[in-house]
Each structure stands twice: as C-alpha cells, then as structure tokens.
Protein backbone atom coordinates (compact mmCIF):
# COMPACT_ATOMS: atom_id res chain seq x y z
CA MET A 1 12.89 9.39 36.89
CA SER A 2 10.54 6.46 36.26
CA SER A 3 10.33 4.67 32.94
CA SER A 4 6.73 5.84 32.44
CA ALA A 5 7.84 9.45 32.90
CA ASP A 6 10.64 8.90 30.39
CA ILE A 7 8.18 7.49 27.87
CA GLN A 8 5.87 10.44 28.43
CA GLN A 9 8.68 12.91 27.80
CA VAL A 10 9.70 11.12 24.61
CA GLN A 11 6.04 10.99 23.59
CA GLU A 12 5.67 14.77 23.99
CA VAL A 13 8.74 15.45 21.84
CA ILE A 14 7.73 12.96 19.15
CA GLY A 15 4.14 14.19 19.26
CA ASP A 16 5.19 17.81 18.71
CA ILE A 17 7.39 16.87 15.76
CA GLY A 18 4.78 14.38 14.56
CA TYR A 19 2.28 17.19 14.00
CA TYR A 20 4.51 18.66 11.31
CA PHE A 21 5.04 15.23 9.78
CA HIS A 22 1.28 14.85 9.64
CA ILE A 23 0.96 18.13 7.72
CA ILE A 24 3.76 17.02 5.40
CA ASN A 25 1.94 13.74 4.83
CA VAL A 26 -1.27 15.57 3.89
CA VAL A 27 0.57 17.75 1.37
CA LEU A 28 2.36 14.73 -0.08
CA SER A 29 -0.96 12.91 -0.29
CA PHE A 30 -2.26 15.60 -2.65
CA VAL A 31 0.83 15.07 -4.80
CA SER A 32 0.40 11.29 -4.64
CA VAL A 33 -3.23 11.46 -5.80
CA LEU A 34 -2.30 13.68 -8.76
CA MET A 35 0.75 11.62 -9.73
CA ASN A 36 -1.03 8.28 -9.54
CA THR A 37 -4.10 9.57 -11.38
CA PHE A 38 -1.75 10.55 -14.20
CA HIS A 39 0.00 7.18 -13.83
CA ILE A 40 -3.26 5.25 -14.26
CA PHE A 41 -4.19 7.39 -17.27
CA ILE A 42 -0.92 6.53 -19.02
CA LEU A 43 -0.96 2.83 -18.08
CA SER A 44 -4.55 2.60 -19.34
CA GLN A 45 -3.54 3.60 -22.86
CA LYS A 46 -3.75 0.83 -25.45
CA SER A 47 0.01 0.75 -25.99
CA MET A 48 0.63 0.18 -22.27
CA ARG A 49 -2.29 -2.06 -21.38
CA THR A 50 -0.55 -5.09 -22.85
CA SER A 51 0.78 -7.13 -19.93
CA SER A 52 -0.20 -8.50 -16.54
CA THR A 53 2.53 -6.42 -14.91
CA ASN A 54 1.05 -3.16 -16.14
CA VAL A 55 -2.41 -4.21 -14.99
CA ILE A 56 -0.99 -4.92 -11.54
CA LEU A 57 0.66 -1.49 -11.59
CA ILE A 58 -2.73 0.06 -12.38
CA SER A 59 -4.24 -1.75 -9.40
CA LEU A 60 -1.36 -0.60 -7.21
CA SER A 61 -1.97 3.01 -8.24
CA VAL A 62 -5.64 2.63 -7.32
CA CYS A 63 -4.51 1.62 -3.83
CA ASP A 64 -2.12 4.57 -3.65
CA ILE A 65 -4.86 7.00 -4.71
CA ALA A 66 -7.24 5.55 -2.12
CA GLY A 67 -4.55 5.95 0.54
CA GLY A 68 -3.95 9.57 -0.41
CA LEU A 69 -7.65 10.48 -0.51
CA THR A 70 -8.35 8.91 2.88
CA THR A 71 -5.41 10.77 4.43
CA ILE A 72 -6.77 14.06 3.07
CA TYR A 73 -10.29 13.25 4.27
CA LYS A 74 -9.12 12.32 7.76
CA HIS A 75 -7.17 15.56 8.09
CA PHE A 76 -10.00 17.87 7.07
CA LEU A 77 -13.14 16.00 8.14
CA MET A 78 -12.23 13.86 11.17
CA VAL A 79 -11.64 14.99 14.74
CA ASP A 80 -8.85 12.43 15.22
CA ALA A 81 -6.90 11.32 12.16
CA GLU A 82 -4.78 8.75 13.99
CA ASN A 83 -7.09 6.53 16.06
CA SER A 84 -10.20 4.76 14.80
CA GLU A 85 -11.54 4.28 18.35
CA CYS A 86 -11.70 8.07 18.70
CA VAL A 87 -14.22 8.61 15.91
CA THR A 88 -16.93 11.04 17.05
CA SER A 89 -19.58 13.04 15.24
CA THR A 90 -22.82 14.92 15.61
CA SER A 91 -24.23 13.05 12.61
CA LEU A 92 -25.16 9.37 12.61
CA TRP A 93 -24.49 8.79 8.91
CA LYS A 94 -21.06 10.45 9.14
CA ILE A 95 -19.87 8.31 12.02
CA TYR A 96 -20.82 5.17 10.10
CA PHE A 97 -19.04 6.56 7.05
CA ASP A 98 -15.92 7.33 9.10
CA ILE A 99 -15.84 3.83 10.59
CA THR A 100 -16.15 2.36 7.11
CA LEU A 101 -13.36 4.63 5.90
CA TRP A 102 -10.95 3.18 8.47
CA SER A 103 -11.70 -0.32 7.15
CA ILE A 104 -11.18 0.90 3.59
CA ILE A 105 -7.77 2.32 4.52
CA ILE A 106 -6.64 -1.01 5.93
CA HIS A 107 -8.08 -2.85 2.92
CA PHE A 108 -6.12 -0.85 0.34
CA ARG A 109 -2.89 -0.95 2.35
CA ARG A 110 -3.16 -4.72 2.53
CA CYS A 111 -3.85 -4.95 -1.20
CA ALA A 112 -0.89 -2.69 -2.02
CA SER A 113 1.42 -5.02 -0.08
CA TRP A 114 0.34 -8.10 -2.00
CA LEU A 115 0.11 -6.54 -5.46
CA GLY A 116 3.86 -6.04 -5.45
CA ILE A 117 4.34 -9.68 -4.48
CA PHE A 118 2.05 -10.77 -7.31
CA MET A 119 4.11 -8.73 -9.76
CA ALA A 120 7.33 -10.33 -8.51
CA THR A 121 5.74 -13.78 -8.74
CA VAL A 122 4.63 -13.23 -12.34
CA ARG A 123 8.08 -12.02 -13.30
CA LEU A 124 9.79 -14.98 -11.62
CA VAL A 125 7.49 -17.57 -13.21
CA LEU A 126 7.90 -16.12 -16.69
CA VAL A 127 11.68 -15.93 -16.49
CA LYS A 128 12.11 -19.35 -14.89
CA LYS A 129 9.60 -21.12 -17.16
CA LEU A 130 10.42 -19.24 -20.35
CA SER A 131 10.81 -22.48 -22.32
CA ILE A 132 7.36 -23.79 -21.32
CA SER A 133 4.69 -22.33 -23.57
CA ARG A 134 1.77 -22.67 -21.15
CA PHE A 135 3.40 -20.25 -18.71
CA CYS A 136 3.53 -17.53 -21.37
CA ASN A 137 -0.14 -16.85 -20.61
CA TRP A 138 1.01 -15.33 -17.32
CA SER A 139 2.13 -12.26 -19.26
CA LYS A 140 -1.37 -11.53 -20.60
CA PRO A 141 -3.42 -8.68 -19.08
CA ARG A 142 -6.26 -10.95 -18.00
CA VAL A 143 -3.92 -12.68 -15.53
CA GLY A 144 -3.21 -9.34 -13.87
CA TRP A 145 -6.92 -8.52 -13.69
CA LEU A 146 -7.69 -11.95 -12.25
CA MET A 147 -5.01 -11.59 -9.57
CA ALA A 148 -6.22 -8.11 -8.64
CA VAL A 149 -9.88 -9.16 -8.41
CA ILE A 150 -9.11 -12.20 -6.25
CA LEU A 151 -6.86 -10.15 -3.96
CA PHE A 152 -9.38 -7.32 -3.56
CA PHE A 153 -12.15 -9.82 -2.81
CA LEU A 154 -10.20 -11.76 -0.15
CA SER A 155 -8.94 -8.56 1.46
CA ALA A 156 -12.47 -7.16 1.49
CA LEU A 157 -13.67 -10.19 3.47
CA LEU A 158 -11.14 -9.43 6.21
CA SER A 159 -12.08 -5.75 6.18
CA VAL A 160 -15.80 -6.50 6.43
CA PHE A 161 -15.18 -8.68 9.48
CA TYR A 162 -13.05 -5.93 11.05
CA GLN A 163 -15.81 -3.41 10.28
CA PHE A 164 -17.99 -5.04 12.95
CA ARG A 165 -15.47 -4.34 15.73
CA PHE A 166 -17.33 -1.14 16.66
CA VAL A 167 -20.85 -0.29 17.73
CA VAL A 168 -22.12 3.27 17.57
CA ILE A 169 -23.06 4.82 20.92
CA GLU A 170 -25.31 7.83 21.38
CA ASN A 171 -24.55 10.12 24.35
CA ARG A 172 -22.02 7.75 25.92
CA SER A 173 -21.88 7.56 29.73
CA PHE A 174 -18.15 6.81 30.01
CA PRO A 175 -15.05 8.76 28.89
CA LEU A 176 -13.31 8.33 25.58
CA PRO A 177 -10.07 6.29 25.62
CA GLN A 178 -7.01 8.12 26.91
CA VAL A 179 -5.38 7.82 23.49
CA CYS A 180 -8.01 10.31 22.20
CA ALA A 181 -6.83 13.09 24.52
CA GLN A 182 -4.44 14.55 21.95
CA TYR A 183 -7.25 15.81 19.73
CA GLN A 184 -10.36 16.10 21.94
CA ASN A 185 -11.52 16.35 25.52
CA THR A 186 -12.06 12.77 26.66
CA ASN A 187 -14.58 13.88 29.32
CA ASN A 188 -16.89 15.54 26.83
CA VAL A 189 -20.00 13.66 25.77
CA PRO A 190 -20.14 13.57 21.96
CA LYS A 191 -23.47 13.03 20.24
CA PHE A 192 -22.22 9.87 18.56
CA SER A 193 -19.09 7.86 19.29
CA VAL A 194 -17.89 4.26 19.02
CA ALA A 195 -16.98 1.43 21.37
CA LEU A 196 -15.83 -2.13 20.85
CA SER A 197 -18.63 -4.59 20.19
CA PRO A 198 -19.08 -7.48 22.67
CA LEU A 199 -17.52 -9.94 20.20
CA PHE A 200 -14.28 -7.96 20.11
CA SER A 201 -14.22 -6.75 23.74
CA ASN A 202 -15.10 -9.92 25.68
CA ASN A 203 -12.48 -12.22 27.23
CA ASP A 204 -9.81 -9.53 27.39
CA ARG A 205 -10.37 -8.67 23.70
CA ILE A 206 -9.07 -12.04 22.55
CA VAL A 207 -10.92 -11.91 19.20
CA LEU A 208 -9.60 -8.42 18.48
CA ARG A 209 -6.04 -9.36 19.43
CA ALA A 210 -6.18 -12.54 17.35
CA TYR A 211 -7.47 -10.66 14.31
CA LEU A 212 -4.88 -7.88 14.64
CA LEU A 213 -2.07 -10.41 15.00
CA PHE A 214 -3.27 -12.29 11.92
CA ASP A 215 -3.69 -9.08 9.92
CA ILE A 216 -0.24 -7.78 10.88
CA ILE A 217 1.37 -11.05 9.82
CA VAL A 218 -0.58 -11.17 6.54
CA SER A 219 -0.33 -7.46 5.68
CA LYS A 220 3.15 -6.56 6.96
CA PHE A 221 5.53 -9.33 8.01
CA LEU A 222 4.67 -12.00 5.43
CA PRO A 223 4.89 -9.57 2.47
CA CYS A 224 8.30 -8.37 3.71
CA ILE A 225 9.64 -11.93 3.79
CA ALA A 226 8.00 -12.89 0.49
CA PHE A 227 9.26 -9.76 -1.26
CA ALA A 228 12.84 -10.41 -0.17
CA LEU A 229 12.79 -14.10 -1.14
CA LEU A 230 11.15 -13.49 -4.52
CA THR A 231 13.63 -10.74 -5.36
CA ILE A 232 16.60 -12.95 -4.44
CA PHE A 233 15.22 -15.86 -6.47
CA LEU A 234 14.48 -13.57 -9.41
CA ILE A 235 18.01 -12.15 -9.48
CA ARG A 236 19.53 -15.64 -9.30
CA VAL A 237 17.29 -16.97 -12.07
CA LEU A 238 18.10 -14.01 -14.32
CA LYS A 239 21.82 -14.58 -13.81
CA ASN A 240 21.49 -18.27 -14.65
CA VAL A 241 19.40 -17.54 -17.74
CA LYS A 242 21.88 -14.99 -19.03
CA LYS A 243 24.70 -17.48 -18.58
CA SER A 244 22.90 -20.32 -20.31
CA THR A 245 21.34 -18.44 -23.25
CA SER A 246 23.17 -17.65 -26.44
CA SER A 247 20.49 -15.31 -27.69
CA ALA A 248 21.74 -11.73 -27.92
CA ARG A 249 18.19 -10.57 -28.43
CA PHE A 250 17.06 -12.13 -25.16
CA ILE A 251 19.90 -10.48 -23.27
CA LYS A 252 19.09 -7.13 -24.84
CA GLU A 253 15.41 -7.47 -24.02
CA ASN A 254 16.15 -8.38 -20.42
CA LYS A 255 18.39 -5.37 -19.99
CA THR A 256 15.59 -3.11 -21.10
CA ASP A 257 12.94 -4.93 -19.03
CA LEU A 258 12.35 -2.73 -16.02
CA SER A 259 10.10 -5.10 -14.12
CA THR A 260 13.02 -6.53 -12.14
CA LYS A 261 14.37 -3.07 -11.29
CA LEU A 262 10.94 -1.93 -10.17
CA ILE A 263 10.50 -5.05 -8.04
CA GLY A 264 13.88 -4.45 -6.40
CA TYR A 265 12.96 -0.86 -5.61
CA MET A 266 9.58 -1.94 -4.20
CA THR A 267 11.29 -4.55 -2.02
CA VAL A 268 13.57 -1.96 -0.44
CA GLY A 269 10.71 0.51 -0.03
CA PHE A 270 8.44 -2.02 1.58
CA PHE A 271 11.14 -3.17 4.00
CA ILE A 272 11.74 0.41 5.12
CA THR A 273 8.04 1.11 5.72
CA GLY A 274 6.28 -2.23 6.20
CA THR A 275 8.45 -3.79 8.89
CA PRO A 276 8.46 -0.80 11.31
CA LEU A 277 4.72 -0.27 10.86
CA GLY A 278 4.13 -3.96 11.53
CA ILE A 279 6.04 -3.72 14.81
CA ILE A 280 4.17 -0.54 15.78
CA TYR A 281 0.76 -2.08 15.06
CA LEU A 282 1.78 -5.22 16.94
CA THR A 283 2.49 -3.06 19.99
CA LYS A 284 -0.93 -1.44 19.71
CA ALA A 285 -2.57 -4.86 19.51
CA PHE A 286 -1.15 -6.23 22.75
CA PHE A 287 -1.03 -3.20 25.02
CA ASP A 288 -3.92 -1.35 26.59
CA LYS A 289 -4.98 1.74 24.66
CA SER A 290 -4.39 3.98 27.67
CA GLU A 291 -0.76 2.93 28.15
CA ALA A 292 1.92 5.45 27.22
CA VAL A 293 3.71 3.01 24.92
CA VAL A 294 0.59 2.76 22.72
CA ILE A 295 0.26 6.54 22.50
CA LEU A 296 3.97 6.74 21.65
CA SER A 297 3.64 4.09 18.93
CA THR A 298 0.72 6.01 17.41
CA ASP A 299 2.92 9.10 17.08
CA LEU A 300 5.81 7.04 15.67
CA ALA A 301 3.54 5.60 12.98
CA LEU A 302 3.21 9.09 11.47
CA TYR A 303 6.88 9.13 10.49
CA PHE A 304 6.63 5.87 8.55
CA LEU A 305 3.30 6.80 6.97
CA VAL A 306 5.10 9.76 5.39
CA LEU A 307 7.53 7.26 3.84
CA VAL A 308 4.58 5.21 2.58
CA THR A 309 3.22 8.30 0.82
CA ILE A 310 6.63 9.13 -0.65
CA ASN A 311 6.85 5.55 -1.86
CA ALA A 312 3.49 5.97 -3.63
CA ILE A 313 4.76 9.12 -5.37
CA LEU A 314 7.94 7.40 -6.54
CA HIS A 315 6.12 4.58 -8.38
CA PRO A 316 5.11 6.75 -11.39
CA ILE A 317 8.34 8.76 -11.21
CA PHE A 318 10.44 5.62 -11.59
CA CYS A 319 8.36 4.56 -14.59
CA ILE A 320 8.88 7.95 -16.24
CA LEU A 321 12.63 7.96 -15.61
CA MET A 322 13.36 4.36 -16.56
CA SER A 323 10.81 3.42 -19.22
CA SER A 324 11.17 4.68 -22.78
CA ARG A 325 7.82 3.13 -23.75
CA TYR A 326 6.16 5.01 -20.89
CA ARG A 327 7.69 8.29 -22.08
CA ASP A 328 6.71 7.54 -25.68
CA THR A 329 3.13 6.94 -24.57
CA ILE A 330 3.10 10.30 -22.78
CA ARG A 331 4.37 12.02 -25.92
CA LYS A 332 1.84 10.29 -28.17
CA THR A 333 -0.99 11.07 -25.75
CA PHE A 334 -0.29 14.75 -25.20
CA LEU A 335 1.57 15.51 -28.45
CA PRO A 336 -0.28 13.39 -31.02
CA SER A 337 1.22 15.28 -33.96
CA GLN A 338 4.67 13.95 -33.13
CA LYS A 339 5.64 10.56 -34.44
CA SER A 340 6.29 7.81 -31.97
CA THR A 341 9.93 7.15 -31.21
CA ILE A 342 9.28 3.43 -31.06
CA SER A 343 10.61 1.99 -34.31
CA VAL A 344 9.05 -0.77 -36.36
CA THR A 345 12.05 -2.96 -35.68
CA ARG A 346 11.62 -2.54 -31.95
CA ASN A 347 7.92 -3.38 -32.16
CA ALA A 348 8.68 -6.49 -34.16
CA GLY A 349 11.32 -7.51 -31.66
CA SER A 350 8.97 -7.02 -28.73
CA MET A 351 6.66 -9.66 -30.20
CA HIS A 352 9.37 -12.19 -29.50
CA THR A 353 10.11 -10.98 -25.99
CA VAL A 354 10.29 -14.01 -23.74
CA SER A 355 9.23 -12.32 -20.55
CA GLY A 356 6.28 -10.46 -22.04
CA ILE A 357 5.94 -8.12 -19.05
CA ARG A 358 8.00 -5.13 -20.04
CA ILE A 359 6.89 -1.67 -19.09
CA ASN A 360 9.34 0.13 -21.36
C-alpha cells in the first residue's frame, strides 16, 4: 500500500472522529463564553480591578469569549468551519463578513498567547525588582491596560495585512480547492467565493508562506519558549527572595499570591496546545492545499482546538478555586447582605504587599 493511501486511510478515521470533536468543541465554546463573561464581570468589580495582572486577565477573557463566539458562528453559519479558503455564500456582505471573521479569530488567538507572557513578565519584574520603587508602578492597572492596548494594536496590523490575502469571486470558473470537499461539492459554482489575491498567490505564494511562517513563529513557537523561560526565571527568583528575606509577612503574602501558580498552569496549557498547533499550521503553510497531509493536519487541528477551549474554561475555574478574594467578591456581588470575609487586618496588610499583583 502506498504512503498516500495510508495517509488517506488515517485521514478518514481521524476525520470521522474529528466530527464528534468538533461538536464537543462547539458545546464547550458555549460554556467558555458563559464562564468568561462571568469572569470578566467579577474581575471588573472595584475590589478586583486593582492590579495590572487582573487587567491582563480581563483582556485574556475577552480573547477567550471572542474565540468561543467565532467557533459557534462558524458551526451554525458557515459552510466550512475549518478552512478559510472554502468560504462561500450567496450574499456579498456575508462573504466579506466571514473573511473578516477568520482574521479576527487569528487576531484574538495571537493576543491570548502574548497576554499570558505579559502577565508573567510583570510578575517577574515586580518580584525581582521589589526593592526598586520605580518598578512598583508595574503593579498598577494602567500598566495592564497599556500592555493590552499596544498588543491588540500590533496584532491588528498583522491581521489587517492578512485580511487582503483573498479576493471575492462571483460565479467562479474553476473548482474549489480539494480541501473543501469534506463539506461541499468542489465542482459546484457558488454565487460568491474567495481566491488568493495576486500579491499572495504569485511566485509560488512566497508572500503567503513568508507571512504564515512569521505568524506561526510569533503566535505559537516564540510564546511557548518565552512562557517556559519566564516561568523558570520566576520560580528561581522567588526561591532566592524567600531565602534572602527575613520578613514573615512577605513570605506569607507570596504564599497567597496566585499569580505564579496561574502562570505555571498557563505555561503547561500553552505547551500542550500551542506547540502542536504551530506544527500543524506550519505544515499547512508549506504544502499544497490539495495534498493529503494538509487535509490530515486540518482534521488533527480539531483535537487541539478542543484543548484550547477547555483551557479557556479553566481560567475562571482556577481563580474561583484558588483565590479567596475572588470568592469574596462573588459573595459580595451576589449576596450583598453578607459581610465580606476579608478582614481589616488583611486589607491593611495588602497595602504593604511587595508584589502588588495578587488576585486573591
């Protein structure tokens, strides 16, 4: 049996199972949207909106909500939820909207990758430079907002450039790509469809390949490496600080600071999802869309996208389970008649917290 036949057999098996994973991902996306909407509501309360870390967490939840909503939209309102080059429609405005939606998806996934790195960077700087007063400003909410705005702006520039990869075609005279065959008849002539623009298709698609390679490095591989290094440095710095300090209060505050735990969890989660997806997207960038390996990689991506959605659901769950301040805020918000469990002594002590980026 030839290797291409083997790949096709594997593709059929993975594709059949992948359909159920796609349905699971849609259901989990509903849960993710609800959980992260609640998460933003709690983090936006005055008692929580006090640090750059929490602001970054709000921005991260916005990305998770956007990811969930786009997954739901693609499932119910797109012919093909897996391939942007297979976008077709009978309406001109909808096909432009669908193309834009694909760019928005990539934009928010890229932002989500880097928001975690920003949070780890803030935590590392504050712990390492705790004796230098000018670095204490890094804990203030405006630093988190500034980081989020800069990141969203730079990522949007990349997404806008990528948006121009397609041109809309009316009553196309050539078949759809073979990768579209899973969801529609490639020989049919849709009213409106898309094709690569000359800029991205000329010279063996060199501009498209270069952009995809750059985006994969920036959005997947570089964040994986940065996350791991920052987490290692942060753990080492915390150990050194605990050894060198004689302040029992500082040690107590650091034990209750959940930023480091959350960063460690995010590092593991991103390694599990980001690295495989980066390899899959790299394959799609350098192989022809009609090749079996590309179709196989598209099906494989579904499995890891489910993990991405689960990861988005776990962000607020971890905050609820590990953060007493988060739970107190929930109680005060929904049960205002009950007194807060945060004591005056604890509030006074938090004013002297060195790190300034606690979420508990």
